Amino acid sequence: MKRTGYILFEAVFSMAVLSIAGLTFQSALQQAILTRGQAIDYTTAKFLLEQINAEIELQPQYVEESKSGTFPEPYNRFSYQWEIRKVSIPRPELPAELPPQLRENLEKMFRDYFAKVDIWIRWQRAGIPFEVHAQNIFQPEKLWIPEEYQQ
């Protein structure tokens, strides 16, 4: 019995297996490169976010405002947006057994709001948008409220 074409079949089958293995390897390598880039971007975004938070935190007082823009080179792929606003908080019930002097001091010191800072860092990689968001809360005394808005 003659076996014609057996070598050709082995060669075609081997090429198909090698092609599938090559495509799988290429896809894995591409995903690894993309993941590494995303990790670098998230690290950069975290440092940029901390930079903006530090700049806001260094201000002696805050005004309710928002700001957005882009970073200078080499971080011009990243944009930012931040917002400072007044957030009201409910007055808690004080325990009945508090001494009157302590109760009076707590009621005098209590502010029914605080300053909330929201920061967003946005960028794109391979046409996919990414974003990190952080919030920070500051003491009420740092929020400047014009007298006409005070109660």
Protein backbone atom coordinates (compact mmCIF):
# COMPACT_ATOMS: atom_id res chain seq x y z
CA MET A 1 0.00 0.00 0.00
CA LYS A 2 1.36 3.33 -1.07
CA ARG A 3 1.07 6.45 1.11
CA THR A 4 1.06 9.40 -1.25
CA GLY A 5 0.56 12.89 0.05
CA TYR A 6 1.37 11.99 3.66
CA ILE A 7 4.40 14.33 3.81
CA LEU A 8 2.36 17.20 2.38
CA PHE A 9 -0.35 16.70 5.03
CA GLU A 10 2.26 16.71 7.85
CA ALA A 11 3.81 19.91 6.51
CA VAL A 12 0.44 21.71 6.23
CA PHE A 13 -0.65 20.55 9.68
CA SER A 14 2.67 21.64 11.22
CA MET A 15 2.41 25.06 9.59
CA ALA A 16 -1.15 25.48 10.95
CA VAL A 17 -0.03 24.57 14.49
CA LEU A 18 2.96 26.94 14.25
CA SER A 19 0.74 29.74 12.91
CA ILE A 20 -1.73 29.37 15.79
CA ALA A 21 1.13 29.29 18.31
CA GLY A 22 2.67 32.39 16.73
CA LEU A 23 -0.61 34.31 16.81
CA THR A 24 -1.17 33.32 20.44
CA PHE A 25 2.33 34.45 21.37
CA GLN A 26 1.87 37.75 19.51
CA SER A 27 -1.46 38.37 21.24
CA ALA A 28 0.04 37.62 24.67
CA LEU A 29 3.00 39.90 23.97
CA GLN A 30 0.69 42.70 22.80
CA GLN A 31 -1.44 42.37 25.95
CA ALA A 32 1.68 42.41 28.14
CA ILE A 33 2.89 45.62 26.50
CA LEU A 34 -0.53 47.26 26.92
CA THR A 35 -0.75 46.19 30.57
CA ARG A 36 2.72 47.56 31.28
CA GLY A 37 1.74 50.87 29.69
CA GLN A 38 -1.44 51.02 31.75
CA ALA A 39 0.51 50.35 34.94
CA ILE A 40 2.89 53.20 34.10
CA ASP A 41 -0.08 55.48 33.34
CA TYR A 42 -1.82 54.68 36.63
CA THR A 43 1.40 55.35 38.56
CA THR A 44 1.88 58.65 36.73
CA ALA A 45 -1.77 59.60 37.33
CA LYS A 46 -1.39 58.88 41.04
CA PHE A 47 1.62 61.19 41.31
CA LEU A 48 -0.15 63.93 39.31
CA LEU A 49 -3.20 63.56 41.53
CA GLU A 50 -1.06 63.90 44.65
CA GLN A 51 0.60 66.98 43.15
CA ILE A 52 -2.74 68.72 42.61
CA ASN A 53 -3.96 67.68 46.06
CA ALA A 54 -0.80 69.12 47.64
CA GLU A 55 -1.22 72.41 45.76
CA ILE A 56 -4.81 72.69 46.97
CA GLU A 57 -3.88 71.67 50.50
CA LEU A 58 -1.21 74.38 50.71
CA GLN A 59 -3.78 77.13 50.18
CA PRO A 60 -4.56 78.97 53.43
CA GLN A 61 -8.28 79.09 52.58
CA TYR A 62 -10.54 77.60 49.95
CA VAL A 63 -13.28 79.12 47.89
CA GLU A 64 -15.98 77.00 46.28
CA GLU A 65 -14.61 76.68 42.77
CA SER A 66 -13.59 74.24 40.08
CA LYS A 67 -10.74 74.17 37.62
CA SER A 68 -9.61 71.98 34.74
CA GLY A 69 -6.71 71.81 32.34
CA THR A 70 -3.86 69.70 31.04
CA PHE A 71 -0.41 69.06 32.41
CA PRO A 72 2.76 70.35 30.72
CA GLU A 73 5.19 68.12 28.84
CA PRO A 74 5.91 65.22 29.27
CA TYR A 75 2.50 64.61 30.88
CA ASN A 76 0.38 66.43 28.28
CA ARG A 77 -1.66 63.24 27.63
CA PHE A 78 -3.13 63.70 31.10
CA SER A 79 -5.82 66.22 31.95
CA TYR A 80 -7.16 67.22 35.34
CA GLN A 81 -10.29 68.61 36.89
CA TRP A 82 -10.83 69.54 40.50
CA GLU A 83 -13.69 70.97 42.45
CA ILE A 84 -13.97 72.43 45.96
CA ARG A 85 -17.41 72.67 47.44
CA LYS A 86 -19.21 73.06 50.70
CA VAL A 87 -20.93 69.91 51.94
CA SER A 88 -23.50 70.16 54.69
CA ILE A 89 -23.50 67.68 57.55
CA PRO A 90 -26.32 67.13 60.04
CA ARG A 91 -25.92 68.21 63.64
CA PRO A 92 -25.46 65.08 65.77
CA GLU A 93 -27.44 64.46 68.91
CA LEU A 94 -25.24 65.11 71.92
CA PRO A 95 -25.51 62.68 74.83
CA ALA A 96 -27.75 63.92 77.65
CA GLU A 97 -25.14 63.16 80.32
CA LEU A 98 -22.62 65.70 78.96
CA PRO A 99 -21.68 68.41 81.44
CA PRO A 100 -23.22 71.80 80.48
CA GLN A 101 -19.82 73.46 79.93
CA LEU A 102 -18.69 70.72 77.53
CA ARG A 103 -22.04 70.74 75.74
CA GLU A 104 -21.81 74.52 75.27
CA ASN A 105 -18.25 74.28 73.91
CA LEU A 106 -19.18 71.51 71.49
CA GLU A 107 -22.21 73.41 70.21
CA LYS A 108 -20.13 76.56 69.78
CA MET A 109 -17.36 74.72 67.90
CA PHE A 110 -19.64 72.66 65.69
CA ARG A 111 -19.81 73.63 62.02
CA ASP A 112 -22.58 72.14 59.91
CA TYR A 113 -20.38 71.82 56.83
CA PHE A 114 -16.92 70.90 55.65
CA ALA A 115 -14.82 71.51 52.53
CA LYS A 116 -14.80 68.60 50.09
CA VAL A 117 -12.24 68.41 47.30
CA ASP A 118 -12.80 66.12 44.30
CA ILE A 119 -9.94 65.56 41.86
CA TRP A 120 -10.10 63.70 38.55
CA ILE A 121 -7.16 62.76 36.32
CA ARG A 122 -8.07 61.56 32.80
CA TRP A 123 -6.05 60.18 29.90
CA GLN A 124 -6.27 57.82 26.94
CA ARG A 125 -4.22 54.81 25.93
CA ALA A 126 -4.84 52.96 22.67
CA GLY A 127 -8.05 54.95 22.22
CA ILE A 128 -9.45 53.76 25.57
CA PRO A 129 -10.27 56.47 28.13
CA PHE A 130 -9.04 56.04 31.72
CA GLU A 131 -9.73 58.03 34.87
CA VAL A 132 -8.69 58.15 38.51
CA HIS A 133 -10.72 60.02 41.09
CA ALA A 134 -9.87 61.10 44.63
CA GLN A 135 -11.73 62.93 47.35
CA ASN A 136 -10.40 64.80 50.33
CA ILE A 137 -12.16 66.53 53.20
CA PHE A 138 -10.79 69.60 54.94
CA GLN A 139 -11.80 71.36 58.11
CA PRO A 140 -14.58 73.94 57.79
CA GLU A 141 -12.33 76.82 58.88
CA LYS A 142 -10.35 76.50 55.67
CA LEU A 143 -13.41 77.12 53.50
CA TRP A 144 -13.95 80.82 52.93
CA ILE A 145 -17.59 81.78 52.69
CA PRO A 146 -18.46 85.43 51.92
CA GLU A 147 -20.41 87.11 54.73
CA GLU A 148 -23.56 87.50 52.63
CA TYR A 149 -23.75 83.70 52.33
CA GLN A 150 -23.12 82.96 56.00
CA GLN A 151 -26.06 82.17 58.22
